[in-house]
Amino acid sequence: MSLSIDSVVQRSTDQVSSNVEGEVAIMSIDKGNYYMLNEVGARFWQLIEKPRRIGDACTLLLEEFDTSQGQCETEVIRLGQELLEQNLIEVVDAAST
């Protein structure tokens, strides 16, 4: 499955995460892999604690970080896709949010 700015995502229940000095450490319960997210990735992780459209997350990130809309969307979709492939996030039906 490919993500887009219209995809609604949330954290998976098959992970454990913790804030570590402005970054986030995530461990996949399913795969046993460990991931670190930088400050921007950590903020995205915080924003998807509950279901959120990727485009809406980018809008909020643009208010907090110095980047362009295009770059933000590209990077967030890339990060989201990586997290999705590792079962750390899941796509949610927008109608159920």
N, C-alpha and C. Protein backbone atom coordinates (compact mmCIF):
# COMPACT_ATOMS: atom_id res chain seq x y z
N MET A 1 0.84 -1.18 0.00
CA MET A 1 0.00 0.00 0.00
C MET A 1 0.89 1.24 0.00
N SER A 2 0.53 2.19 -0.84
CA SER A 2 1.26 3.45 -0.91
C SER A 2 0.49 4.55 -0.20
N LEU A 3 1.20 5.33 0.57
CA LEU A 3 0.58 6.44 1.29
C LEU A 3 0.55 7.69 0.43
N SER A 4 -0.39 8.57 0.73
CA SER A 4 -0.49 9.88 0.09
C SER A 4 -0.83 10.90 1.16
N ILE A 5 -0.91 12.16 0.78
CA ILE A 5 -1.26 13.19 1.77
C ILE A 5 -2.69 13.00 2.28
N ASP A 6 -3.50 12.24 1.56
CA ASP A 6 -4.88 12.00 1.98
C ASP A 6 -5.02 10.76 2.86
N SER A 7 -3.96 9.99 3.02
CA SER A 7 -4.01 8.79 3.87
C SER A 7 -4.19 9.19 5.32
N VAL A 8 -5.05 8.46 6.03
CA VAL A 8 -5.26 8.67 7.46
C VAL A 8 -4.51 7.55 8.17
N VAL A 9 -3.59 7.92 9.06
CA VAL A 9 -2.74 6.94 9.73
C VAL A 9 -2.77 7.15 11.24
N GLN A 10 -2.39 6.12 11.94
CA GLN A 10 -2.21 6.20 13.39
C GLN A 10 -1.15 5.19 13.79
N ARG A 11 -0.65 5.34 15.01
CA ARG A 11 0.33 4.39 15.53
C ARG A 11 -0.29 3.00 15.63
N SER A 12 0.52 2.00 15.37
CA SER A 12 0.09 0.62 15.53
C SER A 12 0.12 0.25 17.01
N THR A 13 -0.65 -0.74 17.39
CA THR A 13 -0.60 -1.23 18.77
C THR A 13 0.55 -2.21 18.96
N ASP A 14 1.22 -2.61 17.88
CA ASP A 14 2.32 -3.58 17.95
C ASP A 14 3.67 -2.89 18.09
N GLN A 15 3.73 -1.84 18.89
CA GLN A 15 4.97 -1.10 19.10
C GLN A 15 4.98 -0.53 20.49
N VAL A 16 6.18 -0.19 20.93
CA VAL A 16 6.39 0.52 22.18
C VAL A 16 7.30 1.69 21.85
N SER A 17 6.95 2.87 22.35
CA SER A 17 7.78 4.04 22.05
C SER A 17 8.03 4.87 23.29
N SER A 18 9.10 5.66 23.24
CA SER A 18 9.47 6.50 24.37
C SER A 18 10.20 7.74 23.87
N ASN A 19 9.94 8.87 24.50
CA ASN A 19 10.66 10.10 24.19
C ASN A 19 12.04 10.04 24.82
N VAL A 20 13.04 10.42 24.03
CA VAL A 20 14.42 10.42 24.50
C VAL A 20 15.08 11.73 24.05
N GLU A 21 15.08 12.72 24.93
CA GLU A 21 15.73 13.99 24.66
C GLU A 21 15.30 14.61 23.34
N GLY A 22 14.00 14.74 23.11
CA GLY A 22 13.49 15.38 21.91
C GLY A 22 13.34 14.46 20.72
N GLU A 23 13.81 13.25 20.83
CA GLU A 23 13.66 12.26 19.78
C GLU A 23 12.75 11.16 20.31
N VAL A 24 12.37 10.23 19.43
CA VAL A 24 11.52 9.12 19.86
C VAL A 24 12.19 7.81 19.49
N ALA A 25 12.25 6.92 20.45
CA ALA A 25 12.71 5.55 20.23
C ALA A 25 11.49 4.66 20.12
N ILE A 26 11.44 3.85 19.06
CA ILE A 26 10.30 2.96 18.83
C ILE A 26 10.83 1.55 18.68
N MET A 27 10.16 0.61 19.33
CA MET A 27 10.51 -0.80 19.15
C MET A 27 9.30 -1.53 18.59
N SER A 28 9.52 -2.26 17.53
CA SER A 28 8.48 -3.09 16.94
C SER A 28 8.35 -4.36 17.75
N ILE A 29 7.20 -4.58 18.36
CA ILE A 29 6.97 -5.80 19.13
C ILE A 29 6.98 -7.00 18.19
N ASP A 30 6.37 -6.83 17.02
CA ASP A 30 6.25 -7.89 16.03
C ASP A 30 7.61 -8.33 15.49
N LYS A 31 8.45 -7.37 15.14
CA LYS A 31 9.72 -7.68 14.47
C LYS A 31 10.94 -7.58 15.38
N GLY A 32 10.79 -6.93 16.52
CA GLY A 32 11.91 -6.78 17.43
C GLY A 32 12.91 -5.73 16.98
N ASN A 33 12.56 -4.94 15.97
CA ASN A 33 13.45 -3.89 15.47
C ASN A 33 13.29 -2.62 16.28
N TYR A 34 14.33 -1.81 16.29
CA TYR A 34 14.40 -0.59 17.08
C TYR A 34 14.62 0.58 16.12
N TYR A 35 13.89 1.66 16.29
CA TYR A 35 13.98 2.82 15.41
C TYR A 35 14.10 4.08 16.24
N MET A 36 14.83 5.06 15.72
CA MET A 36 14.94 6.38 16.33
C MET A 36 14.41 7.41 15.34
N LEU A 37 13.59 8.33 15.84
CA LEU A 37 13.08 9.42 15.01
C LEU A 37 13.66 10.73 15.53
N ASN A 38 14.11 11.57 14.60
CA ASN A 38 14.63 12.88 14.98
C ASN A 38 13.50 13.78 15.45
N GLU A 39 13.78 15.03 15.70
CA GLU A 39 12.80 15.96 16.26
C GLU A 39 11.54 16.08 15.39
N VAL A 40 11.72 16.21 14.08
CA VAL A 40 10.56 16.34 13.19
C VAL A 40 9.79 15.02 13.14
N GLY A 41 10.50 13.91 13.01
CA GLY A 41 9.85 12.60 13.01
C GLY A 41 9.13 12.34 14.32
N ALA A 42 9.74 12.78 15.42
CA ALA A 42 9.12 12.61 16.74
C ALA A 42 7.83 13.41 16.84
N ARG A 43 7.82 14.60 16.26
CA ARG A 43 6.60 15.41 16.28
C ARG A 43 5.52 14.75 15.43
N PHE A 44 5.88 14.19 14.27
CA PHE A 44 4.92 13.46 13.45
C PHE A 44 4.36 12.28 14.25
N TRP A 45 5.23 11.56 14.93
CA TRP A 45 4.81 10.42 15.75
C TRP A 45 3.80 10.87 16.80
N GLN A 46 4.06 12.00 17.41
CA GLN A 46 3.14 12.54 18.41
C GLN A 46 1.80 12.88 17.77
N LEU A 47 1.83 13.45 16.58
CA LEU A 47 0.60 13.87 15.90
C LEU A 47 -0.28 12.69 15.48
N ILE A 48 0.32 11.52 15.29
CA ILE A 48 -0.49 10.37 14.84
C ILE A 48 -0.80 9.41 16.00
N GLU A 49 -0.78 9.92 17.21
CA GLU A 49 -1.21 9.10 18.34
C GLU A 49 -2.66 8.67 18.13
N LYS A 50 -3.45 9.56 17.54
CA LYS A 50 -4.82 9.27 17.14
C LYS A 50 -4.86 9.42 15.62
N PRO A 51 -5.84 8.82 14.97
CA PRO A 51 -5.90 8.91 13.50
C PRO A 51 -5.83 10.35 12.99
N ARG A 52 -4.96 10.56 11.99
CA ARG A 52 -4.80 11.89 11.40
C ARG A 52 -4.41 11.73 9.93
N ARG A 53 -4.95 12.62 9.13
CA ARG A 53 -4.60 12.66 7.71
C ARG A 53 -3.17 13.18 7.58
N ILE A 54 -2.37 12.57 6.73
CA ILE A 54 -0.97 12.98 6.57
C ILE A 54 -0.88 14.45 6.17
N GLY A 55 -1.75 14.90 5.29
CA GLY A 55 -1.75 16.31 4.90
C GLY A 55 -1.99 17.24 6.07
N ASP A 56 -2.87 16.84 6.99
CA ASP A 56 -3.13 17.66 8.18
C ASP A 56 -1.91 17.69 9.10
N ALA A 57 -1.23 16.56 9.21
CA ALA A 57 0.00 16.52 10.01
C ALA A 57 1.05 17.46 9.40
N CYS A 58 1.16 17.46 8.07
CA CYS A 58 2.12 18.36 7.41
C CYS A 58 1.78 19.82 7.67
N THR A 59 0.50 20.15 7.65
CA THR A 59 0.09 21.53 7.93
C THR A 59 0.58 21.97 9.31
N LEU A 60 0.43 21.11 10.29
CA LEU A 60 0.91 21.43 11.64
C LEU A 60 2.43 21.49 11.70
N LEU A 61 3.10 20.56 11.02
CA LEU A 61 4.56 20.56 11.01
C LEU A 61 5.11 21.83 10.36
N LEU A 62 4.44 22.32 9.32
CA LEU A 62 4.89 23.54 8.65
C LEU A 62 4.82 24.75 9.57
N GLU A 63 3.91 24.74 10.53
CA GLU A 63 3.81 25.84 11.49
C GLU A 63 4.95 25.81 12.51
N GLU A 64 5.56 24.64 12.69
CA GLU A 64 6.57 24.47 13.73
C GLU A 64 8.00 24.37 13.23
N PHE A 65 8.17 23.97 11.97
CA PHE A 65 9.51 23.73 11.44
C PHE A 65 9.71 24.52 10.15
N ASP A 66 10.95 24.91 9.88
CA ASP A 66 11.29 25.69 8.71
C ASP A 66 11.55 24.76 7.52
N THR A 67 10.51 24.53 6.72
CA THR A 67 10.62 23.69 5.54
C THR A 67 9.53 24.09 4.56
N SER A 68 9.62 23.63 3.35
CA SER A 68 8.59 23.93 2.35
C SER A 68 7.49 22.87 2.43
N GLN A 69 6.34 23.21 1.92
CA GLN A 69 5.22 22.26 1.92
C GLN A 69 5.57 21.01 1.12
N GLY A 70 6.17 21.19 -0.04
CA GLY A 70 6.54 20.05 -0.87
C GLY A 70 7.52 19.13 -0.18
N GLN A 71 8.54 19.71 0.43
CA GLN A 71 9.54 18.90 1.13
C GLN A 71 8.92 18.19 2.32
N CYS A 72 8.07 18.89 3.06
CA CYS A 72 7.42 18.29 4.22
C CYS A 72 6.57 17.10 3.79
N GLU A 73 5.74 17.28 2.77
CA GLU A 73 4.89 16.20 2.30
C GLU A 73 5.71 15.00 1.83
N THR A 74 6.76 15.27 1.06
CA THR A 74 7.62 14.19 0.56
C THR A 74 8.26 13.42 1.70
N GLU A 75 8.83 14.14 2.66
CA GLU A 75 9.52 13.49 3.77
C GLU A 75 8.57 12.76 4.72
N VAL A 76 7.40 13.34 4.98
CA VAL A 76 6.45 12.69 5.88
C VAL A 76 5.87 11.44 5.22
N ILE A 77 5.57 11.51 3.93
CA ILE A 77 5.08 10.33 3.23
C ILE A 77 6.16 9.24 3.22
N ARG A 78 7.41 9.63 2.99
CA ARG A 78 8.51 8.66 3.00
C ARG A 78 8.64 8.01 4.37
N LEU A 79 8.62 8.82 5.41
CA LEU A 79 8.71 8.29 6.78
C LEU A 79 7.51 7.41 7.08
N GLY A 80 6.32 7.88 6.74
CA GLY A 80 5.12 7.10 6.97
C GLY A 80 5.16 5.76 6.26
N GLN A 81 5.65 5.76 5.04
CA GLN A 81 5.75 4.52 4.27
C GLN A 81 6.70 3.53 4.95
N GLU A 82 7.83 4.05 5.43
CA GLU A 82 8.80 3.20 6.14
C GLU A 82 8.20 2.63 7.42
N LEU A 83 7.50 3.47 8.17
CA LEU A 83 6.87 3.01 9.41
C LEU A 83 5.76 2.00 9.11
N LEU A 84 5.03 2.23 8.03
CA LEU A 84 3.97 1.31 7.64
C LEU A 84 4.54 -0.06 7.27
N GLU A 85 5.63 -0.07 6.52
CA GLU A 85 6.27 -1.33 6.11
C GLU A 85 6.79 -2.11 7.30
N GLN A 86 7.10 -1.40 8.39
CA GLN A 86 7.60 -2.06 9.60
C GLN A 86 6.48 -2.34 10.61
N ASN A 87 5.22 -2.12 10.19
CA ASN A 87 4.04 -2.35 11.03
C ASN A 87 4.02 -1.46 12.27
N LEU A 88 4.62 -0.28 12.18
CA LEU A 88 4.63 0.65 13.32
C LEU A 88 3.47 1.63 13.26
N ILE A 89 2.90 1.81 12.06
CA ILE A 89 1.68 2.59 11.91
C ILE A 89 0.71 1.78 11.06
N GLU A 90 -0.53 2.23 11.07
CA GLU A 90 -1.54 1.58 10.25
C GLU A 90 -2.41 2.63 9.57
N VAL A 91 -2.95 2.26 8.42
CA VAL A 91 -3.85 3.14 7.69
C VAL A 91 -5.26 2.90 8.25
N VAL A 92 -5.95 3.99 8.50
CA VAL A 92 -7.28 3.94 9.11
C VAL A 92 -8.29 4.45 8.08
N ASP A 93 -9.45 3.86 8.06
CA ASP A 93 -10.53 4.32 7.22
C ASP A 93 -10.95 5.72 7.69
N ALA A 94 -10.87 6.70 6.80
CA ALA A 94 -11.17 8.08 7.19
C ALA A 94 -12.59 8.21 7.73
N ALA A 95 -13.51 7.38 7.29
CA ALA A 95 -14.89 7.45 7.75
C ALA A 95 -15.02 7.06 9.22
N SER A 96 -14.05 6.31 9.73
CA SER A 96 -14.12 5.85 11.13
C SER A 96 -13.48 6.82 12.11
N THR A 97 -12.91 7.91 11.61
CA THR A 97 -12.25 8.87 12.49
C THR A 97 -13.19 9.93 12.96
